[in-house]
C-alpha atoms as a PDB file:
ATOM      1  CA  UNK A   1     104.575 109.740  67.603  1.00  0.00           C
ATOM      2  CA  UNK A   2     102.332 110.198  70.038  1.00  0.00           C
ATOM      3  CA  UNK A   3     105.487 111.126  72.348  1.00  0.00           C
ATOM      4  CA  UNK A   4     106.850 113.871  69.881  1.00  0.00           C
ATOM      5  CA  UNK A   5     103.217 115.146  69.228  1.00  0.00           C
ATOM      6  CA  UNK A   6     102.854 116.003  73.088  1.00  0.00           C
ATOM      7  CA  UNK A   7     106.462 117.231  73.053  1.00  0.00           C
ATOM      8  CA  UNK A   8     105.990 119.716  70.384  1.00  0.00           C
ATOM      9  CA  UNK A   9     102.551 120.610  71.903  1.00  0.00           C
ATOM     10  CA  UNK A  10     104.074 121.789  75.145  1.00  0.00           C
ATOM     11  CA  UNK A  11     107.125 123.584  74.099  1.00  0.00           C
ATOM     12  CA  UNK A  12     104.568 125.672  71.725  1.00  0.00           C
ATOM     13  CA  UNK A  13     102.654 125.990  74.864  1.00  0.00           C
ATOM     14  CA  UNK A  14     105.826 127.489  76.997  1.00  0.00           C
ATOM     15  CA  UNK A  15     106.763 129.543  73.793  1.00  0.00           C
ATOM     16  CA  UNK A  16     103.050 131.155  73.397  1.00  0.00           C
ATOM     17  CA  UNK A  17     102.650 131.672  77.933  1.00  0.00           C
ATOM     18  CA  UNK A  18     105.923 132.949  77.727  1.00  0.00           C
ATOM     19  CA  UNK A  19     105.343 134.856  74.445  1.00  0.00           C
ATOM     20  CA  UNK A  20     102.325 137.002  76.342  1.00  0.00           C
ATOM     21  CA  UNK A  21     104.490 138.174  79.782  1.00  0.00           C
ATOM     22  CA  UNK A  22     103.535 136.052  81.886  1.00  0.00           C
ATOM     23  CA  UNK A  23     105.293 136.008  85.005  1.00  0.00           C
ATOM     24  CA  UNK A  24     104.795 134.556  88.628  1.00  0.00           C
ATOM     25  CA  UNK A  25     103.512 137.218  90.842  1.00  0.00           C
ATOM     26  CA  UNK A  26     106.686 138.223  93.258  1.00  0.00           C
ATOM     27  CA  UNK A  27     108.677 137.871  90.775  1.00  0.00           C
ATOM     28  CA  UNK A  28     109.291 141.677  89.745  1.00  0.00           C
ATOM     29  CA  UNK A  29     112.843 141.819  91.040  1.00  0.00           C
ATOM     30  CA  UNK A  30     114.526 145.278  89.703  1.00  0.00           C
ATOM     31  CA  UNK A  31     118.259 147.000  90.015  1.00  0.00           C
ATOM     32  CA  UNK A  32     118.069 150.104  90.560  1.00  0.00           C
ATOM     33  CA  UNK A  33     120.269 152.302  87.858  1.00  0.00           C
ATOM     34  CA  UNK A  34     121.288 154.064  90.979  1.00  0.00           C
ATOM     35  CA  UNK A  35     124.466 153.305  92.742  1.00  0.00           C
ATOM     36  CA  UNK A  36     123.523 155.771  95.426  1.00  0.00           C
ATOM     37  CA  UNK A  37     120.429 158.518  96.272  1.00  0.00           C
ATOM     38  CA  UNK A  38     119.431 161.116  98.507  1.00  0.00           C
ATOM     39  CA  UNK A  39     116.628 160.609  99.922  1.00  0.00           C
ATOM     40  CA  UNK A  40     113.859 163.096 101.240  1.00  0.00           C
ATOM     41  CA  UNK A  41     110.964 162.040 103.149  1.00  0.00           C
ATOM     42  CA  UNK A  42     108.325 164.479 104.306  1.00  0.00           C
ATOM     43  CA  UNK A  43     106.822 161.305 106.031  1.00  0.00           C
ATOM     44  CA  UNK A  44     109.751 159.683 107.056  1.00  0.00           C
ATOM     45  CA  UNK A  45     108.378 157.167 109.857  1.00  0.00           C
ATOM     46  CA  UNK A  46     105.507 156.007 108.072  1.00  0.00           C
ATOM     47  CA  UNK A  47     105.868 152.102 106.772  1.00  0.00           C
ATOM     48  CA  UNK A  48     105.900 152.959 103.199  1.00  0.00           C
ATOM     49  CA  UNK A  49     109.194 155.329 104.021  1.00  0.00           C
ATOM     50  CA  UNK A  50     110.553 151.980 105.119  1.00  0.00           C
ATOM     51  CA  UNK A  51     109.385 150.182 102.312  1.00  0.00           C
ATOM     52  CA  UNK A  52     110.956 152.417 100.224  1.00  0.00           C
ATOM     53  CA  UNK A  53     114.216 152.276 101.979  1.00  0.00           C
ATOM     54  CA  UNK A  54     114.294 148.779 102.196  1.00  0.00           C
ATOM     55  CA  UNK A  55     113.265 148.187  98.458  1.00  0.00           C
ATOM     56  CA  UNK A  56     115.928 150.648  97.300  1.00  0.00           C
ATOM     57  CA  UNK A  57     118.630 148.830  99.726  1.00  0.00           C
ATOM     58  CA  UNK A  58     117.831 145.487  98.208  1.00  0.00           C
ATOM     59  CA  UNK A  59     118.040 146.733  94.496  1.00  0.00           C
ATOM     60  CA  UNK A  60     121.568 147.990  95.464  1.00  0.00           C
ATOM     61  CA  UNK A  61     121.499 151.480  96.249  1.00  0.00           C
ATOM     62  CA  UNK A  62     123.068 153.495  98.432  1.00  0.00           C
ATOM     63  CA  UNK A  63     120.734 155.262 100.935  1.00  0.00           C
ATOM     64  CA  UNK A  64     123.288 158.679 101.259  1.00  0.00           C
ATOM     65  CA  UNK A  65     123.116 160.154 105.422  1.00  0.00           C
ATOM     66  CA  UNK A  66     124.605 163.300 103.861  1.00  0.00           C
ATOM     67  CA  UNK A  67     123.256 165.381 100.700  1.00  0.00           C
ATOM     68  CA  UNK A  68     126.025 164.802  98.423  1.00  0.00           C
ATOM     69  CA  UNK A  69     125.893 167.148  95.355  1.00  0.00           C
ATOM     70  CA  UNK A  70     126.863 164.784  92.984  1.00  0.00           C
ATOM     71  CA  UNK A  71     124.165 161.870  94.065  1.00  0.00           C
ATOM     72  CA  UNK A  72     120.404 162.206  92.560  1.00  0.00           C
ATOM     73  CA  UNK A  73     118.065 163.198  95.463  1.00  0.00           C
ATOM     74  CA  UNK A  74     114.561 161.609  95.400  1.00  0.00           C
ATOM     75  CA  UNK A  75     111.471 163.741  96.824  1.00  0.00           C
ATOM     76  CA  UNK A  76     108.926 161.684  98.001  1.00  0.00           C
ATOM     77  CA  UNK A  77     106.002 163.463  99.750  1.00  0.00           C
ATOM     78  CA  UNK A  78     102.293 163.762 100.345  1.00  0.00           C
ATOM     79  CA  UNK A  79     101.611 160.472 100.779  1.00  0.00           C
ATOM     80  CA  UNK A  80      97.714 159.805 101.523  1.00  0.00           C
ATOM     81  CA  UNK A  81      95.549 157.398 102.268  1.00  0.00           C
ATOM     82  CA  UNK A  82      92.084 157.576 101.020  1.00  0.00           C
ATOM     83  CA  UNK A  83      89.015 155.266 101.815  1.00  0.00           C
ATOM     84  CA  UNK A  84      85.916 155.471 100.250  1.00  0.00           C
ATOM     85  CA  UNK A  85      82.316 153.559  99.986  1.00  0.00           C
ATOM     86  CA  UNK A  86      81.419 153.097  96.334  1.00  0.00           C
ATOM     87  CA  UNK A  87      78.436 151.393  97.308  1.00  0.00           C
ATOM     88  CA  UNK A  88      75.834 151.098  99.992  1.00  0.00           C
ATOM     89  CA  UNK A  89      73.129 147.916 101.181  1.00  0.00           C
ATOM     90  CA  UNK A  90      70.103 147.828 102.315  1.00  0.00           C
ATOM     91  CA  UNK A  91      71.801 148.872 105.603  1.00  0.00           C
ATOM     92  CA  UNK A  92      73.455 151.987 104.666  1.00  0.00           C
ATOM     93  CA  UNK A  93      76.555 150.624 104.818  1.00  0.00           C
ATOM     94  CA  UNK A  94      79.168 150.060 102.477  1.00  0.00           C
ATOM     95  CA  UNK A  95      78.911 146.643 101.391  1.00  0.00           C
ATOM     96  CA  UNK A  96      81.997 147.911  98.111  1.00  0.00           C
ATOM     97  CA  UNK A  97      84.616 149.701  99.762  1.00  0.00           C
ATOM     98  CA  UNK A  98      88.176 151.741  97.412  1.00  0.00           C
ATOM     99  CA  UNK A  99      91.106 152.569  98.947  1.00  0.00           C
ATOM    100  CA  UNK A 100      93.403 154.560  96.671  1.00  0.00           C
ATOM    101  CA  UNK A 101      96.689 154.921  97.603  1.00  0.00           C
ATOM    102  CA  UNK A 102      99.306 157.863  96.459  1.00  0.00           C
ATOM    103  CA  UNK A 103     102.812 159.334  97.117  1.00  0.00           C
ATOM    104  CA  UNK A 104     104.249 162.653  94.670  1.00  0.00           C
ATOM    105  CA  UNK A 105     107.801 162.288  93.878  1.00  0.00           C
ATOM    106  CA  UNK A 106     110.346 164.006  91.920  1.00  0.00           C
ATOM    107  CA  UNK A 107     114.012 162.804  90.811  1.00  0.00           C
ATOM    108  CA  UNK A 108     116.853 166.283  90.583  1.00  0.00           C
ATOM    109  CA  UNK A 109     120.284 165.572  89.551  1.00  0.00           C
ATOM    110  CA  UNK A 110     122.664 168.384  90.147  1.00  0.00           C
ATOM    111  CA  UNK A 111     119.636 170.997  90.485  1.00  0.00           C
ATOM    112  CA  UNK A 112     117.918 169.192  87.088  1.00  0.00           C
ATOM    113  CA  UNK A 113     114.510 167.423  87.016  1.00  0.00           C
ATOM    114  CA  UNK A 114     115.228 163.933  85.589  1.00  0.00           C
ATOM    115  CA  UNK A 115     111.721 163.202  87.235  1.00  0.00           C
ATOM    116  CA  UNK A 116     109.337 166.563  87.972  1.00  0.00           C
ATOM    117  CA  UNK A 117     107.149 166.545  90.646  1.00  0.00           C
ATOM    118  CA  UNK A 118     104.304 163.682  89.882  1.00  0.00           C
ATOM    119  CA  UNK A 119     101.772 161.871  91.630  1.00  0.00           C
ATOM    120  CA  UNK A 120     101.207 157.961  91.419  1.00  0.00           C
ATOM    121  CA  UNK A 121      98.658 156.212  92.219  1.00  0.00           C
ATOM    122  CA  UNK A 122      97.592 152.936  92.769  1.00  0.00           C
ATOM    123  CA  UNK A 123      94.201 151.834  93.769  1.00  0.00           C
ATOM    124  CA  UNK A 124      92.060 148.798  95.205  1.00  0.00           C
ATOM    125  CA  UNK A 125      88.166 147.842  95.736  1.00  0.00           C
ATOM    126  CA  UNK A 126      86.754 145.508  97.829  1.00  0.00           C
ATOM    127  CA  UNK A 127      83.163 144.002  99.098  1.00  0.00           C
ATOM    128  CA  UNK A 128      82.906 144.297 103.326  1.00  0.00           C
ATOM    129  CA  UNK A 129      81.022 141.774 104.900  1.00  0.00           C
ATOM    130  CA  UNK A 130      78.658 143.481 107.163  1.00  0.00           C
ATOM    131  CA  UNK A 131      78.744 140.431 109.292  1.00  0.00           C
ATOM    132  CA  UNK A 132      82.386 140.420 110.605  1.00  0.00           C
ATOM    133  CA  UNK A 133      83.712 143.908 111.426  1.00  0.00           C
ATOM    134  CA  UNK A 134      86.757 142.480 112.854  1.00  0.00           C
ATOM    135  CA  UNK A 135      87.587 140.730 109.549  1.00  0.00           C
ATOM    136  CA  UNK A 136      86.837 144.049 107.251  1.00  0.00           C
ATOM    137  CA  UNK A 137      89.663 145.475 109.426  1.00  0.00           C
ATOM    138  CA  UNK A 138      92.244 143.217 108.970  1.00  0.00           C
ATOM    139  CA  UNK A 139      91.535 142.404 105.015  1.00  0.00           C
ATOM    140  CA  UNK A 140      91.444 146.286 105.136  1.00  0.00           C
ATOM    141  CA  UNK A 141      95.305 146.340 106.711  1.00  0.00           C
ATOM    142  CA  UNK A 142      96.170 143.683 104.162  1.00  0.00           C
ATOM    143  CA  UNK A 143      94.822 145.273 100.941  1.00  0.00           C
ATOM    144  CA  UNK A 144      97.084 148.573 102.352  1.00  0.00           C
ATOM    145  CA  UNK A 145     100.294 146.523 102.336  1.00  0.00           C
ATOM    146  CA  UNK A 146      99.828 144.931  99.152  1.00  0.00           C
ATOM    147  CA  UNK A 147      98.853 148.909  97.799  1.00  0.00           C
ATOM    148  CA  UNK A 148     102.431 149.736  99.452  1.00  0.00           C
ATOM    149  CA  UNK A 149     104.051 147.134  97.794  1.00  0.00           C
ATOM    150  CA  UNK A 150     102.015 148.038  94.457  1.00  0.00           C
ATOM    151  CA  UNK A 151     103.377 151.821  94.615  1.00  0.00           C
ATOM    152  CA  UNK A 152     107.174 150.870  95.405  1.00  0.00           C
ATOM    153  CA  UNK A 153     107.239 148.680  92.689  1.00  0.00           C
ATOM    154  CA  UNK A 154     105.465 151.294  89.899  1.00  0.00           C
ATOM    155  CA  UNK A 155     108.210 154.308  91.602  1.00  0.00           C
ATOM    156  CA  UNK A 156     111.238 151.182  90.843  1.00  0.00           C
ATOM    157  CA  UNK A 157     109.945 151.620  87.640  1.00  0.00           C
ATOM    158  CA  UNK A 158     109.651 154.685  87.247  1.00  0.00           C
ATOM    159  CA  UNK A 159     113.819 155.463  88.558  1.00  0.00           C
ATOM    160  CA  UNK A 160     114.728 153.089  86.028  1.00  0.00           C
ATOM    161  CA  UNK A 161     112.514 154.961  82.535  1.00  0.00           C
ATOM    162  CA  UNK A 162     113.702 158.494  84.158  1.00  0.00           C
ATOM    163  CA  UNK A 163     115.987 159.714  81.606  1.00  0.00           C
ATOM    164  CA  UNK A 164     119.983 160.300  81.872  1.00  0.00           C
END
Protein backbone atom coordinates (compact mmCIF):
# COMPACT_ATOMS: atom_id res chain seq x y z
CA UNK A 1 0.00 0.00 0.00
CA UNK A 2 2.79 2.42 0.93
CA UNK A 3 4.69 1.70 -2.32
CA UNK A 4 1.58 2.38 -4.34
CA UNK A 5 1.04 5.70 -2.56
CA UNK A 6 4.68 6.74 -3.17
CA UNK A 7 4.46 5.80 -6.84
CA UNK A 8 1.23 7.73 -7.20
CA UNK A 9 2.80 10.77 -5.48
CA UNK A 10 5.85 10.55 -7.77
CA UNK A 11 3.61 10.31 -10.82
CA UNK A 12 1.56 13.34 -9.75
CA UNK A 13 4.72 15.38 -9.08
CA UNK A 14 6.13 14.43 -12.46
CA UNK A 15 2.95 15.48 -14.23
CA UNK A 16 2.74 18.78 -12.35
CA UNK A 17 6.35 19.71 -13.16
CA UNK A 18 5.83 18.81 -16.80
CA UNK A 19 2.53 20.67 -16.98
CA UNK A 20 4.03 23.93 -15.70
CA UNK A 21 6.47 24.05 -18.64
CA UNK A 22 9.64 23.32 -16.67
CA UNK A 23 12.67 22.39 -18.79
CA UNK A 24 16.32 22.16 -17.98
CA UNK A 25 18.32 25.26 -18.87
CA UNK A 26 20.04 25.03 -22.24
CA UNK A 27 17.57 22.42 -23.44
CA UNK A 28 15.89 24.68 -25.99
CA UNK A 29 17.28 23.46 -29.30
CA UNK A 30 15.44 25.19 -32.09
CA UNK A 31 15.01 23.73 -35.54
CA UNK A 32 14.34 26.37 -38.13
CA UNK A 33 11.55 26.10 -40.64
CA UNK A 34 13.79 27.81 -43.23
CA UNK A 35 16.02 25.57 -45.32
CA UNK A 36 18.19 28.46 -46.48
CA UNK A 37 18.65 32.15 -45.70
CA UNK A 38 20.52 35.10 -47.11
CA UNK A 39 22.09 36.67 -44.04
CA UNK A 40 22.94 40.39 -44.13
CA UNK A 41 24.97 41.41 -41.09
CA UNK A 42 25.86 45.05 -40.45
CA UNK A 43 28.63 44.01 -38.03
CA UNK A 44 29.79 40.76 -39.61
CA UNK A 45 32.90 40.40 -37.42
CA UNK A 46 31.17 40.72 -34.03
CA UNK A 47 30.79 37.93 -31.48
CA UNK A 48 27.02 38.16 -31.88
CA UNK A 49 27.25 37.63 -35.66
CA UNK A 50 29.51 34.59 -35.28
CA UNK A 51 27.17 33.07 -32.68
CA UNK A 52 24.14 33.76 -34.88
CA UNK A 53 25.75 32.02 -37.85
CA UNK A 54 26.63 28.99 -35.70
CA UNK A 55 23.10 28.83 -34.25
CA UNK A 56 21.44 29.06 -37.66
CA UNK A 57 23.72 26.35 -39.03
CA UNK A 58 23.02 24.14 -36.00
CA UNK A 59 19.28 24.64 -36.61
CA UNK A 60 19.68 23.20 -40.11
CA UNK A 61 19.68 26.46 -42.07
CA UNK A 62 21.98 26.78 -45.08
CA UNK A 63 23.52 30.26 -45.16
CA UNK A 64 23.83 31.35 -48.76
CA UNK A 65 26.99 33.07 -49.95
CA UNK A 66 25.23 34.62 -52.96
CA UNK A 67 21.93 36.48 -52.92
CA UNK A 68 19.12 34.35 -54.30
CA UNK A 69 15.80 36.10 -54.88
CA UNK A 70 13.74 33.11 -53.79
CA UNK A 71 15.51 32.73 -50.45
CA UNK A 72 14.46 34.81 -47.44
CA UNK A 73 16.78 37.65 -46.40
CA UNK A 74 17.48 38.12 -42.71
CA UNK A 75 18.91 41.57 -41.96
CA UNK A 76 20.59 42.08 -38.61
CA UNK A 77 21.77 45.58 -37.79
CA UNK A 78 22.38 48.08 -35.04
CA UNK A 79 23.82 45.62 -32.53
CA UNK A 80 24.48 47.55 -29.32
CA UNK A 81 25.55 46.75 -25.81
CA UNK A 82 24.86 49.45 -23.25
CA UNK A 83 26.21 49.52 -19.72
CA UNK A 84 24.69 51.88 -17.19
CA UNK A 85 24.83 52.18 -13.41
CA UNK A 86 21.58 51.44 -11.63
CA UNK A 87 22.60 52.24 -8.06
CA UNK A 88 25.53 54.03 -6.44
CA UNK A 89 27.36 53.00 -3.26
CA UNK A 90 28.51 55.44 -0.52
CA UNK A 91 31.87 55.81 -2.31
CA UNK A 92 30.09 57.24 -5.36
CA UNK A 93 30.79 54.15 -7.47
CA UNK A 94 28.30 51.96 -9.27
CA UNK A 95 27.26 49.08 -7.05
CA UNK A 96 24.62 47.72 -9.39
CA UNK A 97 25.04 47.75 -13.17
CA UNK A 98 22.62 47.08 -16.01
CA UNK A 99 23.79 45.47 -19.26
CA UNK A 100 21.42 45.87 -22.20
CA UNK A 101 22.04 44.11 -25.53
CA UNK A 102 19.86 44.93 -28.52
CA UNK A 103 19.80 44.27 -32.24
CA UNK A 104 17.44 45.24 -35.04
CA UNK A 105 16.14 42.52 -37.34
CA UNK A 106 14.02 42.28 -40.46
CA UNK A 107 13.04 39.27 -42.56
CA UNK A 108 12.13 39.77 -46.22
CA UNK A 109 10.90 37.23 -48.77
CA UNK A 110 10.58 38.36 -52.37
CA UNK A 111 10.56 42.01 -51.33
CA UNK A 112 7.70 41.44 -48.86
CA UNK A 113 8.46 41.83 -45.14
CA UNK A 114 7.62 38.74 -43.08
CA UNK A 115 9.10 40.45 -40.04
CA UNK A 116 9.17 44.24 -40.38
CA UNK A 117 12.04 46.14 -38.74
CA UNK A 118 11.94 45.45 -35.03
CA UNK A 119 14.42 45.66 -32.19
CA UNK A 120 15.06 42.70 -29.91
CA UNK A 121 16.44 43.49 -26.46
CA UNK A 122 17.69 41.53 -23.47
CA UNK A 123 18.63 43.09 -20.13
CA UNK A 124 20.53 41.84 -17.10
CA UNK A 125 21.38 43.61 -13.85
CA UNK A 126 24.22 42.52 -11.59
CA UNK A 127 26.06 43.75 -8.49
CA UNK A 128 29.68 44.90 -8.67
CA UNK A 129 32.18 44.16 -5.93
CA UNK A 130 34.24 47.32 -5.46
CA UNK A 131 37.07 45.26 -3.96
CA UNK A 132 37.44 42.96 -6.98
CA UNK A 133 37.90 44.98 -10.17
CA UNK A 134 39.35 42.11 -12.23
CA UNK A 135 36.49 39.83 -11.20
CA UNK A 136 33.97 42.50 -12.17
CA UNK A 137 35.36 42.67 -15.70
CA UNK A 138 35.26 38.89 -16.05
CA UNK A 139 31.72 38.79 -14.70
CA UNK A 140 30.64 41.51 -17.16
CA UNK A 141 32.17 39.49 -20.03
CA UNK A 142 30.39 36.30 -18.93
CA UNK A 143 27.07 38.14 -18.62
CA UNK A 144 27.55 39.75 -22.05
CA UNK A 145 28.12 36.28 -23.57
CA UNK A 146 24.97 34.98 -21.86
CA UNK A 147 23.03 37.99 -23.16
CA UNK A 148 24.21 37.27 -26.71
CA UNK A 149 22.97 33.69 -26.41
CA UNK A 150 19.61 34.87 -25.00
CA UNK A 151 19.25 37.36 -27.85
CA UNK A 152 20.05 34.64 -30.40
CA UNK A 153 17.42 32.38 -28.81
CA UNK A 154 14.90 35.24 -28.93
CA UNK A 155 15.75 35.86 -32.61
CA UNK A 156 15.40 32.17 -33.46
CA UNK A 157 12.00 31.99 -31.74
CA UNK A 158 10.95 35.15 -33.62
CA UNK A 159 11.96 33.51 -36.92
CA UNK A 160 9.87 30.46 -36.01
CA UNK A 161 6.82 32.61 -35.33
CA UNK A 162 7.07 34.62 -38.57
CA UNK A 163 4.00 34.33 -40.81
CA UNK A 164 4.40 32.44 -44.04
